[in-house]
Amino acid sequence: MKHFITSILLLNCYLLHAQTQLGSDIDGEAADDNSGTSVSMNSAGDRVAIGAYGNDGTASNAGHVRVYEYSNSSWSQL
């Protein structure tokens, strides 16, 4: 499921004219995190927020959101 969601995110990150992937895949931390069930992207396509409602980082199923920015040919977590 994690890779499926990542693929959906990356499909949304394609350049409209060039049809090429921007940077590497962005994987969730664990399969049960359900990373990518909520995704938001800015209009420029260079910043994304990825929700993972099942993440157990601070408590069981506490969830979290990670924000990434595309710069210098790679995605960096902010």
PDB file of N, CA and C in Angstrom:
ATOM      1  N   MET A   1       0.830  -1.188   0.000  1.00  0.00           N
ATOM      2  CA  MET A   1       0.000   0.000   0.000  1.00  0.00           C
ATOM      3  C   MET A   1       0.877   1.254   0.000  1.00  0.00           C
ATOM      4  N   LYS A   2       1.977   1.224   0.772  1.00  0.00           N
ATOM      5  CA  LYS A   2       2.857   2.389   0.871  1.00  0.00           C
ATOM      6  C   LYS A   2       3.382   2.781  -0.501  1.00  0.00           C
ATOM      7  N   HIS A   3       3.812   1.798  -1.291  1.00  0.00           N
ATOM      8  CA  HIS A   3       4.371   2.104  -2.604  1.00  0.00           C
ATOM      9  C   HIS A   3       3.286   2.569  -3.578  1.00  0.00           C
ATOM     10  N   PHE A   4       2.075   2.045  -3.425  1.00  0.00           N
ATOM     11  CA  PHE A   4       0.958   2.473  -4.261  1.00  0.00           C
ATOM     12  C   PHE A   4       0.657   3.953  -4.024  1.00  0.00           C
ATOM     13  N   ILE A   5       0.590   4.345  -2.752  1.00  0.00           N
ATOM     14  CA  ILE A   5       0.309   5.738  -2.411  1.00  0.00           C
ATOM     15  C   ILE A   5       1.436   6.640  -2.895  1.00  0.00           C
ATOM     16  N   THR A   6       2.681   6.180  -2.732  1.00  0.00           N
ATOM     17  CA  THR A   6       3.821   6.962  -3.204  1.00  0.00           C
ATOM     18  C   THR A   6       3.729   7.170  -4.704  1.00  0.00           C
ATOM     19  N   SER A   7       3.324   6.132  -5.430  1.00  0.00           N
ATOM     20  CA  SER A   7       3.199   6.242  -6.882  1.00  0.00           C
ATOM     21  C   SER A   7       2.140   7.262  -7.265  1.00  0.00           C
ATOM     22  N   ILE A   8       1.037   7.278  -6.533  1.00  0.00           N
ATOM     23  CA  ILE A   8      -0.012   8.264  -6.803  1.00  0.00           C
ATOM     24  C   ILE A   8       0.533   9.674  -6.600  1.00  0.00           C
ATOM     25  N   LEU A   9       1.267   9.875  -5.513  1.00  0.00           N
ATOM     26  CA  LEU A   9       1.850  11.188  -5.254  1.00  0.00           C
ATOM     27  C   LEU A   9       2.775  11.594  -6.384  1.00  0.00           C
ATOM     28  N   LEU A  10       3.616  10.686  -6.814  1.00  0.00           N
ATOM     29  CA  LEU A  10       4.584  11.023  -7.849  1.00  0.00           C
ATOM     30  C   LEU A  10       3.910  11.285  -9.191  1.00  0.00           C
ATOM     31  N   LEU A  11       2.806  10.595  -9.468  1.00  0.00           N
ATOM     32  CA  LEU A  11       2.069  10.885 -10.694  1.00  0.00           C
ATOM     33  C   LEU A  11       1.576  12.328 -10.687  1.00  0.00           C
ATOM     34  N   ASN A  12       1.201  12.812  -9.518  1.00  0.00           N
ATOM     35  CA  ASN A  12       0.742  14.194  -9.405  1.00  0.00           C
ATOM     36  C   ASN A  12       1.881  15.197  -9.478  1.00  0.00           C
ATOM     37  N   CYS A  13       3.113  14.725  -9.357  1.00  0.00           N
ATOM     38  CA  CYS A  13       4.278  15.612  -9.379  1.00  0.00           C
ATOM     39  C   CYS A  13       4.915  15.704 -10.759  1.00  0.00           C
ATOM     40  N   TYR A  14       4.344  15.061 -11.750  1.00  0.00           N
ATOM     41  CA  TYR A  14       4.916  15.135 -13.096  1.00  0.00           C
ATOM     42  C   TYR A  14       4.824  16.554 -13.646  1.00  0.00           C
ATOM     43  N   LEU A  15       5.803  16.936 -14.396  1.00  0.00           N
ATOM     44  CA  LEU A  15       5.719  18.195 -15.129  1.00  0.00           C
ATOM     45  C   LEU A  15       4.693  18.017 -16.238  1.00  0.00           C
ATOM     46  N   LEU A  16       3.845  18.996 -16.444  1.00  0.00           N
ATOM     47  CA  LEU A  16       2.765  18.837 -17.413  1.00  0.00           C
ATOM     48  C   LEU A  16       3.266  18.636 -18.836  1.00  0.00           C
ATOM     49  N   HIS A  17       4.349  19.272 -19.221  1.00  0.00           N
ATOM     50  CA  HIS A  17       4.818  19.170 -20.596  1.00  0.00           C
ATOM     51  C   HIS A  17       5.881  18.103 -20.776  1.00  0.00           C
ATOM     52  N   ALA A  18       6.760  17.944 -19.839  1.00  0.00           N
ATOM     53  CA  ALA A  18       7.881  17.017 -19.997  1.00  0.00           C
ATOM     54  C   ALA A  18       7.521  15.593 -19.599  1.00  0.00           C
ATOM     55  N   GLN A  19       6.547  15.406 -18.714  1.00  0.00           N
ATOM     56  CA  GLN A  19       6.146  14.082 -18.252  1.00  0.00           C
ATOM     57  C   GLN A  19       7.316  13.301 -17.657  1.00  0.00           C
ATOM     58  N   THR A  20       8.066  13.927 -16.792  1.00  0.00           N
ATOM     59  CA  THR A  20       9.166  13.261 -16.108  1.00  0.00           C
ATOM     60  C   THR A  20       8.969  13.370 -14.601  1.00  0.00           C
ATOM     61  N   GLN A  21       9.438  12.351 -13.888  1.00  0.00           N
ATOM     62  CA  GLN A  21       9.325  12.336 -12.437  1.00  0.00           C
ATOM     63  C   GLN A  21      10.263  13.371 -11.831  1.00  0.00           C
ATOM     64  N   LEU A  22       9.795  14.047 -10.804  1.00  0.00           N
ATOM     65  CA  LEU A  22      10.633  15.000 -10.086  1.00  0.00           C
ATOM     66  C   LEU A  22      11.264  14.296  -8.892  1.00  0.00           C
ATOM     67  N   GLY A  23      12.574  14.146  -8.880  1.00  0.00           N
ATOM     68  CA  GLY A  23      13.268  13.539  -7.749  1.00  0.00           C
ATOM     69  C   GLY A  23      12.968  12.070  -7.566  1.00  0.00           C
ATOM     70  N   SER A  24      13.385  11.558  -6.421  1.00  0.00           N
ATOM     71  CA  SER A  24      13.200  10.149  -6.069  1.00  0.00           C
ATOM     72  C   SER A  24      11.837   9.932  -5.425  1.00  0.00           C
ATOM     73  N   ASP A  25      11.470   8.662  -5.248  1.00  0.00           N
ATOM     74  CA  ASP A  25      10.244   8.316  -4.541  1.00  0.00           C
ATOM     75  C   ASP A  25      10.299   8.850  -3.112  1.00  0.00           C
ATOM     76  N   ILE A  26       9.151   9.193  -2.567  1.00  0.00           N
ATOM     77  CA  ILE A  26       9.034   9.580  -1.160  1.00  0.00           C
ATOM     78  C   ILE A  26       8.257   8.467  -0.474  1.00  0.00           C
ATOM     79  N   ASP A  27       8.941   7.669   0.329  1.00  0.00           N
ATOM     80  CA  ASP A  27       8.308   6.541   1.013  1.00  0.00           C
ATOM     81  C   ASP A  27       7.868   6.929   2.412  1.00  0.00           C
ATOM     82  N   GLY A  28       6.805   6.279   2.892  1.00  0.00           N
ATOM     83  CA  GLY A  28       6.391   6.446   4.279  1.00  0.00           C
ATOM     84  C   GLY A  28       7.337   5.697   5.200  1.00  0.00           C
ATOM     85  N   GLU A  29       7.181   5.908   6.500  1.00  0.00           N
ATOM     86  CA  GLU A  29       8.062   5.270   7.470  1.00  0.00           C
ATOM     87  C   GLU A  29       7.743   3.797   7.661  1.00  0.00           C
ATOM     88  N   ALA A  30       6.460   3.427   7.656  1.00  0.00           N
ATOM     89  CA  ALA A  30       6.048   2.034   7.851  1.00  0.00           C
ATOM     90  C   ALA A  30       4.756   1.801   7.077  1.00  0.00           C
ATOM     91  N   ALA A  31       4.535   0.558   6.665  1.00  0.00           N
ATOM     92  CA  ALA A  31       3.367   0.230   5.840  1.00  0.00           C
ATOM     93  C   ALA A  31       2.055   0.579   6.536  1.00  0.00           C
ATOM     94  N   ASP A  32       1.969   0.363   7.854  1.00  0.00           N
ATOM     95  CA  ASP A  32       0.727   0.618   8.584  1.00  0.00           C
ATOM     96  C   ASP A  32       0.495   2.092   8.905  1.00  0.00           C
ATOM     97  N   ASP A  33       1.418   2.950   8.522  1.00  0.00           N
ATOM     98  CA  ASP A  33       1.242   4.390   8.751  1.00  0.00           C
ATOM     99  C   ASP A  33       0.169   4.980   7.842  1.00  0.00           C
ATOM    100  N   ASN A  34      -0.114   4.305   6.732  1.00  0.00           N
ATOM    101  CA  ASN A  34      -1.048   4.810   5.724  1.00  0.00           C
ATOM    102  C   ASN A  34      -0.605   6.165   5.192  1.00  0.00           C
ATOM    103  N   SER A  35       0.689   6.282   4.976  1.00  0.00           N
ATOM    104  CA  SER A  35       1.265   7.514   4.446  1.00  0.00           C
ATOM    105  C   SER A  35       0.750   7.776   3.040  1.00  0.00           C
ATOM    106  N   GLY A  36       0.361   8.995   2.792  1.00  0.00           N
ATOM    107  CA  GLY A  36      -0.109   9.379   1.470  1.00  0.00           C
ATOM    108  C   GLY A  36      -1.608   9.352   1.307  1.00  0.00           C
ATOM    109  N   THR A  37      -2.345   8.987   2.359  1.00  0.00           N
ATOM    110  CA  THR A  37      -3.803   9.001   2.234  1.00  0.00           C
ATOM    111  C   THR A  37      -4.328  10.427   2.139  1.00  0.00           C
ATOM    112  N   SER A  38      -3.550  11.376   2.635  1.00  0.00           N
ATOM    113  CA  SER A  38      -3.851  12.800   2.468  1.00  0.00           C
ATOM    114  C   SER A  38      -2.618  13.467   1.880  1.00  0.00           C
ATOM    115  N   VAL A  39      -2.796  14.118   0.744  1.00  0.00           N
ATOM    116  CA  VAL A  39      -1.675  14.779   0.071  1.00  0.00           C
ATOM    117  C   VAL A  39      -2.141  16.143  -0.414  1.00  0.00           C
ATOM    118  N   SER A  40      -1.295  17.131  -0.219  1.00  0.00           N
ATOM    119  CA  SER A  40      -1.575  18.469  -0.727  1.00  0.00           C
ATOM    120  C   SER A  40      -0.313  18.999  -1.393  1.00  0.00           C
ATOM    121  N   MET A  41      -0.500  19.710  -2.498  1.00  0.00           N
ATOM    122  CA  MET A  41       0.635  20.247  -3.245  1.00  0.00           C
ATOM    123  C   MET A  41       0.377  21.721  -3.550  1.00  0.00           C
ATOM    124  N   ASN A  42       1.422  22.530  -3.490  1.00  0.00           N
ATOM    125  CA  ASN A  42       1.253  23.937  -3.849  1.00  0.00           C
ATOM    126  C   ASN A  42       1.111  24.064  -5.367  1.00  0.00           C
ATOM    127  N   SER A  43       0.715  25.226  -5.824  1.00  0.00           N
ATOM    128  CA  SER A  43       0.437  25.414  -7.252  1.00  0.00           C
ATOM    129  C   SER A  43       1.682  25.305  -8.119  1.00  0.00           C
ATOM    130  N   ALA A  44       2.854  25.573  -7.564  1.00  0.00           N
ATOM    131  CA  ALA A  44       4.100  25.452  -8.330  1.00  0.00           C
ATOM    132  C   ALA A  44       4.559  24.001  -8.448  1.00  0.00           C
ATOM    133  N   GLY A  45       4.018  23.112  -7.597  1.00  0.00           N
ATOM    134  CA  GLY A  45       4.391  21.705  -7.637  1.00  0.00           C
ATOM    135  C   GLY A  45       5.719  21.393  -6.978  1.00  0.00           C
ATOM    136  N   ASP A  46       6.263  22.350  -6.216  1.00  0.00           N
ATOM    137  CA  ASP A  46       7.570  22.115  -5.598  1.00  0.00           C
ATOM    138  C   ASP A  46       7.508  21.953  -4.077  1.00  0.00           C
ATOM    139  N   ARG A  47       6.296  21.887  -3.524  1.00  0.00           N
ATOM    140  CA  ARG A  47       6.137  21.649  -2.092  1.00  0.00           C
ATOM    141  C   ARG A  47       4.909  20.766  -1.885  1.00  0.00           C
ATOM    142  N   VAL A  48       5.084  19.687  -1.103  1.00  0.00           N
ATOM    143  CA  VAL A  48       3.983  18.768  -0.830  1.00  0.00           C
ATOM    144  C   VAL A  48       3.895  18.490   0.665  1.00  0.00           C
ATOM    145  N   ALA A  49       2.681  18.278   1.142  1.00  0.00           N
ATOM    146  CA  ALA A  49       2.423  17.836   2.510  1.00  0.00           C
ATOM    147  C   ALA A  49       1.800  16.453   2.407  1.00  0.00           C
ATOM    148  N   ILE A  50       2.345  15.492   3.150  1.00  0.00           N
ATOM    149  CA  ILE A  50       1.902  14.105   3.079  1.00  0.00           C
ATOM    150  C   ILE A  50       1.448  13.665   4.464  1.00  0.00           C
ATOM    151  N   GLY A  51       0.177  13.295   4.586  1.00  0.00           N
ATOM    152  CA  GLY A  51      -0.372  12.846   5.862  1.00  0.00           C
ATOM    153  C   GLY A  51      -0.243  11.346   6.033  1.00  0.00           C
ATOM    154  N   ALA A  52      -0.039  10.929   7.280  1.00  0.00           N
ATOM    155  CA  ALA A  52       0.039   9.508   7.637  1.00  0.00           C
ATOM    156  C   ALA A  52      -0.745   9.324   8.934  1.00  0.00           C
ATOM    157  N   TYR A  53      -2.047   9.046   8.821  1.00  0.00           N
ATOM    158  CA  TYR A  53      -2.899   9.013  10.010  1.00  0.00           C
ATOM    159  C   TYR A  53      -2.602   7.853  10.948  1.00  0.00           C
ATOM    160  N   GLY A  54      -1.904   6.828  10.488  1.00  0.00           N
ATOM    161  CA  GLY A  54      -1.611   5.674  11.336  1.00  0.00           C
ATOM    162  C   GLY A  54      -0.229   5.689  11.957  1.00  0.00           C
ATOM    163  N   ASN A  55       0.526   6.754  11.785  1.00  0.00           N
ATOM    164  CA  ASN A  55       1.889   6.810  12.323  1.00  0.00           C
ATOM    165  C   ASN A  55       1.873   6.715  13.842  1.00  0.00           C
ATOM    166  N   ASP A  56       2.803   5.915  14.385  1.00  0.00           N
ATOM    167  CA  ASP A  56       2.874   5.679  15.823  1.00  0.00           C
ATOM    168  C   ASP A  56       4.013   6.439  16.500  1.00  0.00           C
ATOM    169  N   GLY A  57       4.481   7.525  15.916  1.00  0.00           N
ATOM    170  CA  GLY A  57       5.644   8.238  16.440  1.00  0.00           C
ATOM    171  C   GLY A  57       5.506   8.729  17.870  1.00  0.00           C
ATOM    172  N   THR A  58       4.385   9.326  18.235  1.00  0.00           N
ATOM    173  CA  THR A  58       4.211   9.862  19.588  1.00  0.00           C
ATOM    174  C   THR A  58       3.208   9.073  20.413  1.00  0.00           C
ATOM    175  N   ALA A  59       2.331   8.322  19.760  1.00  0.00           N
ATOM    176  CA  ALA A  59       1.347   7.461  20.418  1.00  0.00           C
ATOM    177  C   ALA A  59       0.759   6.552  19.343  1.00  0.00           C
ATOM    178  N   SER A  60       0.080   5.507  19.750  1.00  0.00           N
ATOM    179  CA  SER A  60      -0.507   4.575  18.796  1.00  0.00           C
ATOM    180  C   SER A  60      -1.491   5.305  17.881  1.00  0.00           C
ATOM    181  N   ASN A  61      -1.236   5.215  16.575  1.00  0.00           N
ATOM    182  CA  ASN A  61      -2.079   5.857  15.558  1.00  0.00           C
ATOM    183  C   ASN A  61      -2.238   7.367  15.761  1.00  0.00           C
ATOM    184  N   ALA A  62      -1.214   8.010  16.301  1.00  0.00           N
ATOM    185  CA  ALA A  62      -1.269   9.459  16.524  1.00  0.00           C
ATOM    186  C   ALA A  62      -1.283  10.221  15.205  1.00  0.00           C
ATOM    187  N   GLY A  63      -0.608   9.667  14.196  1.00  0.00           N
ATOM    188  CA  GLY A  63      -0.540  10.316  12.901  1.00  0.00           C
ATOM    189  C   GLY A  63       0.488  11.435  12.865  1.00  0.00           C
ATOM    190  N   HIS A  64       0.815  11.850  11.652  1.00  0.00           N
ATOM    191  CA  HIS A  64       1.696  13.001  11.460  1.00  0.00           C
ATOM    192  C   HIS A  64       1.598  13.480  10.020  1.00  0.00           C
ATOM    193  N   VAL A  65       2.153  14.645   9.776  1.00  0.00           N
ATOM    194  CA  VAL A  65       2.241  15.213   8.432  1.00  0.00           C
ATOM    195  C   VAL A  65       3.695  15.570   8.194  1.00  0.00           C
ATOM    196  N   ARG A  66       4.197  15.192   7.034  1.00  0.00           N
ATOM    197  CA  ARG A  66       5.553  15.574   6.643  1.00  0.00           C
ATOM    198  C   ARG A  66       5.450  16.495   5.430  1.00  0.00           C
ATOM    199  N   VAL A  67       6.252  17.549   5.422  1.00  0.00           N
ATOM    200  CA  VAL A  67       6.247  18.522   4.330  1.00  0.00           C
ATOM    201  C   VAL A  67       7.599  18.453   3.632  1.00  0.00           C
ATOM    202  N   TYR A  68       7.554  18.401   2.299  1.00  0.00           N
ATOM    203  CA  TYR A  68       8.765  18.307   1.489  1.00  0.00           C
ATOM    204  C   TYR A  68       8.802  19.442   0.481  1.00  0.00           C
ATOM    205  N   GLU A  69      10.023  19.847   0.147  1.00  0.00           N
ATOM    206  CA  GLU A  69      10.229  20.858  -0.884  1.00  0.00           C
ATOM    207  C   GLU A  69      11.179  20.292  -1.932  1.00  0.00           C
ATOM    208  N   TYR A  70      10.851  20.530  -3.195  1.00  0.00           N
ATOM    209  CA  TYR A  70      11.690  20.081  -4.300  1.00  0.00           C
ATOM    210  C   TYR A  70      12.657  21.188  -4.674  1.00  0.00           C
ATOM    211  N   SER A  71      13.945  20.893  -4.559  1.00  0.00           N
ATOM    212  CA  SER A  71      14.979  21.861  -4.893  1.00  0.00           C
ATOM    213  C   SER A  71      16.252  21.104  -5.251  1.00  0.00           C
ATOM    214  N   ASN A  72      16.978  21.604  -6.222  1.00  0.00           N
ATOM    215  CA  ASN A  72      18.234  20.970  -6.650  1.00  0.00           C
ATOM    216  C   ASN A  72      18.044  19.495  -7.004  1.00  0.00           C
ATOM    217  N   SER A  73      16.967  19.190  -7.697  1.00  0.00           N
ATOM    218  CA  SER A  73      16.671  17.848  -8.209  1.00  0.00           C
ATOM    219  C   SER A  73      16.359  16.812  -7.142  1.00  0.00           C
ATOM    220  N   SER A  74      15.952  17.237  -5.938  1.00  0.00           N
ATOM    221  CA  SER A  74      15.577  16.256  -4.920  1.00  0.00           C
ATOM    222  C   SER A  74      14.538  16.844  -3.963  1.00  0.00           C
ATOM    223  N   TRP A  75      13.813  15.942  -3.282  1.00  0.00           N
ATOM    224  CA  TRP A  75      12.835  16.322  -2.276  1.00  0.00           C
ATOM    225  C   TRP A  75      13.522  16.339  -0.920  1.00  0.00           C
ATOM    226  N   SER A  76      13.353  17.420  -0.170  1.00  0.00           N
ATOM    227  CA  SER A  76      13.928  17.538   1.174  1.00  0.00           C
ATOM    228  C   SER A  76      12.806  17.787   2.166  1.00  0.00           C
ATOM    229  N   GLN A  77      12.844  17.049   3.284  1.00  0.00           N
ATOM    230  CA  GLN A  77      11.835  17.259   4.317  1.00  0.00           C
ATOM    231  C   GLN A  77      12.115  18.568   5.035  1.00  0.00           C
ATOM    232  N   LEU A  78      11.072  19.367   5.212  1.00  0.00           N
ATOM    233  CA  LEU A  78      11.217  20.653   5.915  1.00  0.00           C
ATOM    234  C   LEU A  78      11.008  20.472   7.403  1.00  0.00           C
TER     235      LEU A  78
END
